[in-house]
Amino acid sequence: MTECLDPEAPPSAKLIVKVLEYADDPLTQQQIADRTRLSPRTVRSSIKRLKDDDVIEERVYIPDARKQLYLLSESVEECLQAGEAGVEGVEAV
């Protein structure tokens, strides 16, 4: 995962990426806070940093347009999948 993110990223940002990686659907900020047990302010600042680094994408939450949905960008998702494939190949040896 570290190859896909800025090495200077705080642990909270890395945790959010991991939660989004395992989520079946995009998540709202509140859902991310609930799953990570991070404070809303920490989640908000980490999301801003991840958006600025093009790690995550933001979409409108249709049931409530005041909220946003967050998901991993395609490039980061591909990077994470490539990393998993490399780990599986090492385990098979």
PDB file of N, CA and C in Angstrom:
ATOM      1  N   MET A   1       0.818  -1.190   0.000  1.00  0.00           N
ATOM      2  CA  MET A   1       0.000   0.000   0.000  1.00  0.00           C
ATOM      3  C   MET A   1       0.860   1.251   0.000  1.00  0.00           C
ATOM      4  N   THR A   2       2.039   1.187   0.606  1.00  0.00           N
ATOM      5  CA  THR A   2       2.856   2.388   0.727  1.00  0.00           C
ATOM      6  C   THR A   2       3.329   2.902  -0.624  1.00  0.00           C
ATOM      7  N   GLU A   3       3.433   2.043  -1.634  1.00  0.00           N
ATOM      8  CA  GLU A   3       3.844   2.499  -2.957  1.00  0.00           C
ATOM      9  C   GLU A   3       2.750   3.339  -3.611  1.00  0.00           C
ATOM     10  N   CYS A   4       1.519   3.171  -3.179  1.00  0.00           N
ATOM     11  CA  CYS A   4       0.385   3.848  -3.787  1.00  0.00           C
ATOM     12  C   CYS A   4       0.094   5.199  -3.141  1.00  0.00           C
ATOM     13  N   LEU A   5       0.691   5.453  -1.981  1.00  0.00           N
ATOM     14  CA  LEU A   5       0.420   6.687  -1.245  1.00  0.00           C
ATOM     15  C   LEU A   5       1.692   7.478  -1.013  1.00  0.00           C
ATOM     16  N   ASP A   6       1.502   8.741  -0.697  1.00  0.00           N
ATOM     17  CA  ASP A   6       2.608   9.601  -0.298  1.00  0.00           C
ATOM     18  C   ASP A   6       3.202   9.043   1.001  1.00  0.00           C
ATOM     19  N   PRO A   7       4.517   8.816   1.050  1.00  0.00           N
ATOM     20  CA  PRO A   7       5.118   8.273   2.272  1.00  0.00           C
ATOM     21  C   PRO A   7       4.946   9.198   3.473  1.00  0.00           C
ATOM     22  N   GLU A   8       4.665  10.463   3.234  1.00  0.00           N
ATOM     23  CA  GLU A   8       4.455  11.433   4.314  1.00  0.00           C
ATOM     24  C   GLU A   8       3.005  11.455   4.803  1.00  0.00           C
ATOM     25  N   ALA A   9       2.138  10.634   4.208  1.00  0.00           N
ATOM     26  CA  ALA A   9       0.727  10.624   4.599  1.00  0.00           C
ATOM     27  C   ALA A   9       0.596  10.165   6.052  1.00  0.00           C
ATOM     28  N   PRO A  10      -0.272  10.828   6.815  1.00  0.00           N
ATOM     29  CA  PRO A  10      -0.454  10.434   8.215  1.00  0.00           C
ATOM     30  C   PRO A  10      -1.155   9.081   8.324  1.00  0.00           C
ATOM     31  N   PRO A  11      -1.013   8.421   9.457  1.00  0.00           N
ATOM     32  CA  PRO A  11      -1.675   7.118   9.653  1.00  0.00           C
ATOM     33  C   PRO A  11      -3.185   7.183   9.446  1.00  0.00           C
ATOM     34  N   SER A  12      -3.811   8.297   9.802  1.00  0.00           N
ATOM     35  CA  SER A  12      -5.260   8.414   9.623  1.00  0.00           C
ATOM     36  C   SER A  12      -5.637   8.345   8.145  1.00  0.00           C
ATOM     37  N   ALA A  13      -4.848   8.956   7.271  1.00  0.00           N
ATOM     38  CA  ALA A  13      -5.124   8.907   5.832  1.00  0.00           C
ATOM     39  C   ALA A  13      -4.943   7.487   5.309  1.00  0.00           C
ATOM     40  N   LYS A  14      -3.918   6.798   5.791  1.00  0.00           N
ATOM     41  CA  LYS A  14      -3.684   5.408   5.367  1.00  0.00           C
ATOM     42  C   LYS A  14      -4.826   4.507   5.822  1.00  0.00           C
ATOM     43  N   LEU A  15      -5.339   4.760   7.028  1.00  0.00           N
ATOM     44  CA  LEU A  15      -6.470   3.978   7.531  1.00  0.00           C
ATOM     45  C   LEU A  15      -7.711   4.212   6.669  1.00  0.00           C
ATOM     46  N   ILE A  16      -7.956   5.441   6.278  1.00  0.00           N
ATOM     47  CA  ILE A  16      -9.108   5.751   5.433  1.00  0.00           C
ATOM     48  C   ILE A  16      -8.979   5.047   4.087  1.00  0.00           C
ATOM     49  N   VAL A  17      -7.786   5.037   3.517  1.00  0.00           N
ATOM     50  CA  VAL A  17      -7.575   4.324   2.250  1.00  0.00           C
ATOM     51  C   VAL A  17      -7.874   2.840   2.433  1.00  0.00           C
ATOM     52  N   LYS A  18      -7.436   2.260   3.536  1.00  0.00           N
ATOM     53  CA  LYS A  18      -7.666   0.834   3.790  1.00  0.00           C
ATOM     54  C   LYS A  18      -9.160   0.550   3.941  1.00  0.00           C
ATOM     55  N   VAL A  19      -9.876   1.432   4.644  1.00  0.00           N
ATOM     56  CA  VAL A  19     -11.323   1.254   4.811  1.00  0.00           C
ATOM     57  C   VAL A  19     -12.030   1.351   3.463  1.00  0.00           C
ATOM     58  N   LEU A  20     -11.644   2.323   2.644  1.00  0.00           N
ATOM     59  CA  LEU A  20     -12.265   2.453   1.317  1.00  0.00           C
ATOM     60  C   LEU A  20     -11.904   1.282   0.411  1.00  0.00           C
ATOM     61  N   GLU A  21     -10.704   0.738   0.593  1.00  0.00           N
ATOM     62  CA  GLU A  21     -10.286  -0.406  -0.214  1.00  0.00           C
ATOM     63  C   GLU A  21     -11.188  -1.618   0.047  1.00  0.00           C
ATOM     64  N   TYR A  22     -11.559  -1.831   1.300  1.00  0.00           N
ATOM     65  CA  TYR A  22     -12.370  -2.994   1.653  1.00  0.00           C
ATOM     66  C   TYR A  22     -13.874  -2.737   1.610  1.00  0.00           C
ATOM     67  N   ALA A  23     -14.287  -1.492   1.415  1.00  0.00           N
ATOM     68  CA  ALA A  23     -15.716  -1.171   1.346  1.00  0.00           C
ATOM     69  C   ALA A  23     -16.288  -1.648   0.008  1.00  0.00           C
ATOM     70  N   ASP A  24     -17.497  -2.161   0.053  1.00  0.00           N
ATOM     71  CA  ASP A  24     -18.160  -2.618  -1.169  1.00  0.00           C
ATOM     72  C   ASP A  24     -18.668  -1.448  -2.005  1.00  0.00           C
ATOM     73  N   ASP A  25     -19.039  -0.374  -1.334  1.00  0.00           N
ATOM     74  CA  ASP A  25     -19.600   0.801  -2.002  1.00  0.00           C
ATOM     75  C   ASP A  25     -18.883   2.052  -1.505  1.00  0.00           C
ATOM     76  N   PRO A  26     -19.021   3.167  -2.227  1.00  0.00           N
ATOM     77  CA  PRO A  26     -18.470   4.432  -1.725  1.00  0.00           C
ATOM     78  C   PRO A  26     -19.085   4.773  -0.368  1.00  0.00           C
ATOM     79  N   LEU A  27     -18.349   5.505   0.467  1.00  0.00           N
ATOM     80  CA  LEU A  27     -18.793   5.828   1.820  1.00  0.00           C
ATOM     81  C   LEU A  27     -18.891   7.332   2.017  1.00  0.00           C
ATOM     82  N   THR A  28     -19.810   7.747   2.904  1.00  0.00           N
ATOM     83  CA  THR A  28     -19.890   9.143   3.305  1.00  0.00           C
ATOM     84  C   THR A  28     -18.836   9.411   4.373  1.00  0.00           C
ATOM     85  N   GLN A  29     -18.617  10.683   4.658  1.00  0.00           N
ATOM     86  CA  GLN A  29     -17.653  11.048   5.692  1.00  0.00           C
ATOM     87  C   GLN A  29     -18.049  10.439   7.043  1.00  0.00           C
ATOM     88  N   GLN A  30     -19.343  10.461   7.354  1.00  0.00           N
ATOM     89  CA  GLN A  30     -19.815   9.898   8.625  1.00  0.00           C
ATOM     90  C   GLN A  30     -19.580   8.392   8.679  1.00  0.00           C
ATOM     91  N   GLN A  31     -19.818   7.690   7.583  1.00  0.00           N
ATOM     92  CA  GLN A  31     -19.581   6.251   7.551  1.00  0.00           C
ATOM     93  C   GLN A  31     -18.093   5.940   7.745  1.00  0.00           C
ATOM     94  N   ILE A  32     -17.235   6.748   7.142  1.00  0.00           N
ATOM     95  CA  ILE A  32     -15.790   6.562   7.314  1.00  0.00           C
ATOM     96  C   ILE A  32     -15.414   6.781   8.776  1.00  0.00           C
ATOM     97  N   ALA A  33     -15.948   7.837   9.383  1.00  0.00           N
ATOM     98  CA  ALA A  33     -15.664   8.125  10.794  1.00  0.00           C
ATOM     99  C   ALA A  33     -16.137   6.977  11.687  1.00  0.00           C
ATOM    100  N   ASP A  34     -17.318   6.432  11.395  1.00  0.00           N
ATOM    101  CA  ASP A  34     -17.846   5.317  12.188  1.00  0.00           C
ATOM    102  C   ASP A  34     -16.966   4.075  12.061  1.00  0.00           C
ATOM    103  N   ARG A  35     -16.533   3.769  10.855  1.00  0.00           N
ATOM    104  CA  ARG A  35     -15.744   2.552  10.629  1.00  0.00           C
ATOM    105  C   ARG A  35     -14.312   2.668  11.145  1.00  0.00           C
ATOM    106  N   THR A  36     -13.759   3.870  11.118  1.00  0.00           N
ATOM    107  CA  THR A  36     -12.371   4.041  11.547  1.00  0.00           C
ATOM    108  C   THR A  36     -12.269   4.446  13.016  1.00  0.00           C
ATOM    109  N   ARG A  37     -13.377   4.941  13.576  1.00  0.00           N
ATOM    110  CA  ARG A  37     -13.412   5.478  14.943  1.00  0.00           C
ATOM    111  C   ARG A  37     -12.521   6.712  15.091  1.00  0.00           C
ATOM    112  N   LEU A  38     -12.270   7.379  13.976  1.00  0.00           N
ATOM    113  CA  LEU A  38     -11.539   8.644  14.002  1.00  0.00           C
ATOM    114  C   LEU A  38     -12.541   9.774  14.214  1.00  0.00           C
ATOM    115  N   SER A  39     -12.070  10.886  14.733  1.00  0.00           N
ATOM    116  CA  SER A  39     -12.959  12.037  14.929  1.00  0.00           C
ATOM    117  C   SER A  39     -13.365  12.597  13.565  1.00  0.00           C
ATOM    118  N   PRO A  40     -14.534  13.217  13.481  1.00  0.00           N
ATOM    119  CA  PRO A  40     -14.965  13.816  12.203  1.00  0.00           C
ATOM    120  C   PRO A  40     -13.947  14.820  11.663  1.00  0.00           C
ATOM    121  N   ARG A  41     -13.321  15.589  12.543  1.00  0.00           N
ATOM    122  CA  ARG A  41     -12.330  16.574  12.095  1.00  0.00           C
ATOM    123  C   ARG A  41     -11.111  15.881  11.467  1.00  0.00           C
ATOM    124  N   THR A  42     -10.641  14.801  12.075  1.00  0.00           N
ATOM    125  CA  THR A  42      -9.505  14.050  11.526  1.00  0.00           C
ATOM    126  C   THR A  42      -9.866  13.451  10.179  1.00  0.00           C
ATOM    127  N   VAL A  43     -11.076  12.901  10.085  1.00  0.00           N
ATOM    128  CA  VAL A  43     -11.530  12.323   8.817  1.00  0.00           C
ATOM    129  C   VAL A  43     -11.600  13.408   7.750  1.00  0.00           C
ATOM    130  N   ARG A  44     -12.156  14.554   8.102  1.00  0.00           N
ATOM    131  CA  ARG A  44     -12.295  15.659   7.151  1.00  0.00           C
ATOM    132  C   ARG A  44     -10.928  16.130   6.639  1.00  0.00           C
ATOM    133  N   SER A  45      -9.964  16.292   7.533  1.00  0.00           N
ATOM    134  CA  SER A  45      -8.646  16.770   7.100  1.00  0.00           C
ATOM    135  C   SER A  45      -7.911  15.711   6.278  1.00  0.00           C
ATOM    136  N   SER A  46      -8.084  14.430   6.643  1.00  0.00           N
ATOM    137  CA  SER A  46      -7.447  13.357   5.868  1.00  0.00           C
ATOM    138  C   SER A  46      -8.067  13.230   4.486  1.00  0.00           C
ATOM    139  N   ILE A  47      -9.383  13.377   4.404  1.00  0.00           N
ATOM    140  CA  ILE A  47     -10.073  13.325   3.115  1.00  0.00           C
ATOM    141  C   ILE A  47      -9.593  14.465   2.219  1.00  0.00           C
ATOM    142  N   LYS A  48      -9.443  15.652   2.796  1.00  0.00           N
ATOM    143  CA  LYS A  48      -8.960  16.790   2.010  1.00  0.00           C
ATOM    144  C   LYS A  48      -7.568  16.501   1.452  1.00  0.00           C
ATOM    145  N   ARG A  49      -6.704  15.973   2.279  1.00  0.00           N
ATOM    146  CA  ARG A  49      -5.339  15.651   1.831  1.00  0.00           C
ATOM    147  C   ARG A  49      -5.365  14.575   0.743  1.00  0.00           C
ATOM    148  N   LEU A  50      -6.174  13.541   0.939  1.00  0.00           N
ATOM    149  CA  LEU A  50      -6.256  12.457  -0.046  1.00  0.00           C
ATOM    150  C   LEU A  50      -6.849  12.950  -1.367  1.00  0.00           C
ATOM    151  N   LYS A  51      -7.826  13.861  -1.306  1.00  0.00           N
ATOM    152  CA  LYS A  51      -8.377  14.439  -2.536  1.00  0.00           C
ATOM    153  C   LYS A  51      -7.337  15.282  -3.253  1.00  0.00           C
ATOM    154  N   ASP A  52      -6.584  16.067  -2.492  1.00  0.00           N
ATOM    155  CA  ASP A  52      -5.539  16.906  -3.093  1.00  0.00           C
ATOM    156  C   ASP A  52      -4.459  16.064  -3.766  1.00  0.00           C
ATOM    157  N   ASP A  53      -4.207  14.873  -3.216  1.00  0.00           N
ATOM    158  CA  ASP A  53      -3.202  13.958  -3.784  1.00  0.00           C
ATOM    159  C   ASP A  53      -3.790  13.026  -4.846  1.00  0.00           C
ATOM    160  N   ASP A  54      -5.068  13.217  -5.201  1.00  0.00           N
ATOM    161  CA  ASP A  54      -5.775  12.376  -6.188  1.00  0.00           C
ATOM    162  C   ASP A  54      -5.797  10.899  -5.801  1.00  0.00           C
ATOM    163  N   VAL A  55      -5.901  10.640  -4.512  1.00  0.00           N
ATOM    164  CA  VAL A  55      -5.991   9.265  -4.028  1.00  0.00           C
ATOM    165  C   VAL A  55      -7.448   8.828  -3.978  1.00  0.00           C
ATOM    166  N   ILE A  56      -8.333   9.751  -3.623  1.00  0.00           N
ATOM    167  CA  ILE A  56      -9.755   9.427  -3.575  1.00  0.00           C
ATOM    168  C   ILE A  56     -10.535  10.400  -4.452  1.00  0.00           C
ATOM    169  N   GLU A  57     -11.730   9.970  -4.827  1.00  0.00           N
ATOM    170  CA  GLU A  57     -12.642  10.794  -5.627  1.00  0.00           C
ATOM    171  C   GLU A  57     -13.880  11.093  -4.795  1.00  0.00           C
ATOM    172  N   GLU A  58     -14.519  12.193  -5.127  1.00  0.00           N
ATOM    173  CA  GLU A  58     -15.707  12.644  -4.411  1.00  0.00           C
ATOM    174  C   GLU A  58     -16.893  12.650  -5.370  1.00  0.00           C
ATOM    175  N   ARG A  59     -18.007  12.121  -4.897  1.00  0.00           N
ATOM    176  CA  ARG A  59     -19.239  12.131  -5.689  1.00  0.00           C
ATOM    177  C   ARG A  59     -20.391  12.615  -4.818  1.00  0.00           C
ATOM    178  N   VAL A  60     -21.464  13.052  -5.448  1.00  0.00           N
ATOM    179  CA  VAL A  60     -22.632  13.531  -4.720  1.00  0.00           C
ATOM    180  C   VAL A  60     -23.419  12.335  -4.194  1.00  0.00           C
ATOM    181  N   TYR A  61     -23.859  12.447  -2.952  1.00  0.00           N
ATOM    182  CA  TYR A  61     -24.704  11.441  -2.315  1.00  0.00           C
ATOM    183  C   TYR A  61     -26.148  11.785  -2.659  1.00  0.00           C
ATOM    184  N   ILE A  62     -26.747  11.036  -3.558  1.00  0.00           N
ATOM    185  CA  ILE A  62     -28.068  11.371  -4.111  1.00  0.00           C
ATOM    186  C   ILE A  62     -29.161  11.543  -3.047  1.00  0.00           C
ATOM    187  N   PRO A  63     -29.278  10.673  -2.048  1.00  0.00           N
ATOM    188  CA  PRO A  63     -30.348  10.879  -1.058  1.00  0.00           C
ATOM    189  C   PRO A  63     -30.239  12.186  -0.270  1.00  0.00           C
ATOM    190  N   ASP A  64     -29.013  12.731  -0.134  1.00  0.00           N
ATOM    191  CA  ASP A  64     -28.817  13.988   0.585  1.00  0.00           C
ATOM    192  C   ASP A  64     -27.665  14.734  -0.085  1.00  0.00           C
ATOM    193  N   ALA A  65     -27.998  15.689  -0.929  1.00  0.00           N
ATOM    194  CA  ALA A  65     -26.989  16.381  -1.742  1.00  0.00           C
ATOM    195  C   ALA A  65     -25.992  17.190  -0.914  1.00  0.00           C
ATOM    196  N   ARG A  66     -26.270  17.381   0.381  1.00  0.00           N
ATOM    197  CA  ARG A  66     -25.310  18.069   1.243  1.00  0.00           C
ATOM    198  C   ARG A  66     -24.117  17.193   1.582  1.00  0.00           C
ATOM    199  N   LYS A  67     -24.267  15.888   1.400  1.00  0.00           N
ATOM    200  CA  LYS A  67     -23.206  14.936   1.726  1.00  0.00           C
ATOM    201  C   LYS A  67     -22.484  14.500   0.462  1.00  0.00           C
ATOM    202  N   GLN A  68     -21.285  13.995   0.648  1.00  0.00           N
ATOM    203  CA  GLN A  68     -20.480  13.491  -0.463  1.00  0.00           C
ATOM    204  C   GLN A  68     -20.159  12.021  -0.221  1.00  0.00           C
ATOM    205  N   LEU A  69     -19.951  11.295  -1.298  1.00  0.00           N
ATOM    206  CA  LEU A  69     -19.475   9.915  -1.222  1.00  0.00           C
ATOM    207  C   LEU A  69     -18.009   9.905  -1.621  1.00  0.00           C
ATOM    208  N   TYR A  70     -17.239   9.052  -0.987  1.00  0.00           N
ATOM    209  CA  TYR A  70     -15.811   8.970  -1.275  1.00  0.00           C
ATOM    210  C   TYR A  70     -15.458   7.549  -1.681  1.00  0.00           C
ATOM    211  N   LEU A  71     -14.608   7.452  -2.699  1.00  0.00           N
ATOM    212  CA  LEU A  71     -14.119   6.174  -3.176  1.00  0.00           C
ATOM    213  C   LEU A  71     -12.699   6.352  -3.671  1.00  0.00           C
ATOM    214  N   LEU A  72     -11.979   5.247  -3.766  1.00  0.00           N
ATOM    215  CA  LEU A  72     -10.605   5.306  -4.246  1.00  0.00           C
ATOM    216  C   LEU A  72     -10.580   5.654  -5.720  1.00  0.00           C
ATOM    217  N   SER A  73      -9.591   6.417  -6.132  1.00  0.00           N
ATOM    218  CA  SER A  73      -9.439   6.713  -7.558  1.00  0.00           C
ATOM    219  C   SER A  73      -9.010   5.432  -8.268  1.00  0.00           C
ATOM    220  N   GLU A  74      -9.252   5.373  -9.566  1.00  0.00           N
ATOM    221  CA  GLU A  74      -8.927   4.170 -10.342  1.00  0.00           C
ATOM    222  C   GLU A  74      -7.446   3.844 -10.286  1.00  0.00           C
ATOM    223  N   SER A  75      -6.589   4.853 -10.369  1.00  0.00           N
ATOM    224  CA  SER A  75      -5.147   4.604 -10.377  1.00  0.00           C
ATOM    225  C   SER A  75      -4.684   3.993  -9.055  1.00  0.00           C
ATOM    226  N   VAL A  76      -5.225   4.461  -7.944  1.00  0.00           N
ATOM    227  CA  VAL A  76      -4.843   3.910  -6.637  1.00  0.00           C
ATOM    228  C   VAL A  76      -5.401   2.503  -6.480  1.00  0.00           C
ATOM    229  N   GLU A  77      -6.628   2.293  -6.941  1.00  0.00           N
ATOM    230  CA  GLU A  77      -7.228   0.961  -6.871  1.00  0.00           C
ATOM    231  C   GLU A  77      -6.395  -0.052  -7.659  1.00  0.00           C
ATOM    232  N   GLU A  78      -5.960   0.343  -8.857  1.00  0.00           N
ATOM    233  CA  GLU A  78      -5.115  -0.535  -9.674  1.00  0.00           C
ATOM    234  C   GLU A  78      -3.783  -0.798  -8.984  1.00  0.00           C
ATOM    235  N   CYS A  79      -3.216   0.217  -8.378  1.00  0.00           N
ATOM    236  CA  CYS A  79      -1.944   0.074  -7.670  1.00  0.00           C
ATOM    237  C   CYS A  79      -2.091  -0.901  -6.502  1.00  0.00           C
ATOM    238  N   LEU A  80      -3.176  -0.772  -5.748  1.00  0.00           N
ATOM    239  CA  LEU A  80      -3.407  -1.670  -4.611  1.00  0.00           C
ATOM    240  C   LEU A  80      -3.621  -3.104  -5.081  1.00  0.00           C
ATOM    241  N   GLN A  81      -4.353  -3.284  -6.184  1.00  0.00           N
ATOM    242  CA  GLN A  81      -4.576  -4.631  -6.713  1.00  0.00           C
ATOM    243  C   GLN A  81      -3.280  -5.239  -7.224  1.00  0.00           C
ATOM    244  N   ALA A  82      -2.439  -4.431  -7.846  1.00  0.00           N
ATOM    245  CA  ALA A  82      -1.142  -4.920  -8.327  1.00  0.00           C
ATOM    246  C   ALA A  82      -0.270  -5.338  -7.151  1.00  0.00           C
ATOM    247  N   GLY A  83      -0.340  -4.579  -6.056  1.00  0.00           N
ATOM    248  CA  GLY A  83       0.415  -4.929  -4.858  1.00  0.00           C
ATOM    249  C   GLY A  83      -0.052  -6.235  -4.252  1.00  0.00           C
ATOM    250  N   GLU A  84      -1.377  -6.464  -4.240  1.00  0.00           N
ATOM    251  CA  GLU A  84      -1.923  -7.720  -3.723  1.00  0.00           C
ATOM    252  C   GLU A  84      -1.499  -8.890  -4.590  1.00  0.00           C
ATOM    253  N   ALA A  85      -1.477  -8.700  -5.903  1.00  0.00           N
ATOM    254  CA  ALA A  85      -1.067  -9.779  -6.813  1.00  0.00           C
ATOM    255  C   ALA A  85       0.395 -10.142  -6.555  1.00  0.00           C
ATOM    256  N   GLY A  86       1.223  -9.138  -6.287  1.00  0.00           N
ATOM    257  CA  GLY A  86       2.635  -9.394  -5.990  1.00  0.00           C
ATOM    258  C   GLY A  86       2.805 -10.154  -4.687  1.00  0.00           C
ATOM    259  N   VAL A  87       1.998  -9.837  -3.677  1.00  0.00           N
ATOM    260  CA  VAL A  87       2.068 -10.515  -2.390  1.00  0.00           C
ATOM    261  C   VAL A  87       1.602 -11.960  -2.542  1.00  0.00           C
ATOM    262  N   GLU A  88       0.560 -12.199  -3.314  1.00  0.00           N
ATOM    263  CA  GLU A  88       0.078 -13.564  -3.524  1.00  0.00           C
ATOM    264  C   GLU A  88       1.118 -14.406  -4.231  1.00  0.00           C
ATOM    265  N   GLY A  89       1.840 -13.807  -5.170  1.00  0.00           N
ATOM    266  CA  GLY A  89       2.889 -14.535  -5.890  1.00  0.00           C
ATOM    267  C   GLY A  89       4.030 -14.912  -4.956  1.00  0.00           C
ATOM    268  N   VAL A  90       4.337 -14.074  -4.005  1.00  0.00           N
ATOM    269  CA  VAL A  90       5.417 -14.356  -3.047  1.00  0.00           C
ATOM    270  C   VAL A  90       4.986 -15.478  -2.126  1.00  0.00           C
ATOM    271  N   GLU A  91       3.735 -15.480  -1.684  1.00  0.00           N
ATOM    272  CA  GLU A  91       3.262 -16.519  -0.795  1.00  0.00           C
ATOM    273  C   GLU A  91       3.226 -17.877  -1.468  1.00  0.00           C
ATOM    274  N   ALA A  92       2.983 -17.903  -2.764  1.00  0.00           N
ATOM    275  CA  ALA A  92       2.864 -19.168  -3.488  1.00  0.00           C
ATOM    276  C   ALA A  92       4.214 -19.856  -3.659  1.00  0.00           C
ATOM    277  N   VAL A  93       5.302 -19.110  -3.529  1.00  0.00           N
ATOM    278  CA  VAL A  93       6.628 -19.684  -3.729  1.00  0.00           C
ATOM    279  C   VAL A  93       7.047 -20.550  -2.607  1.00  0.00           C
TER     280      VAL A  93
END
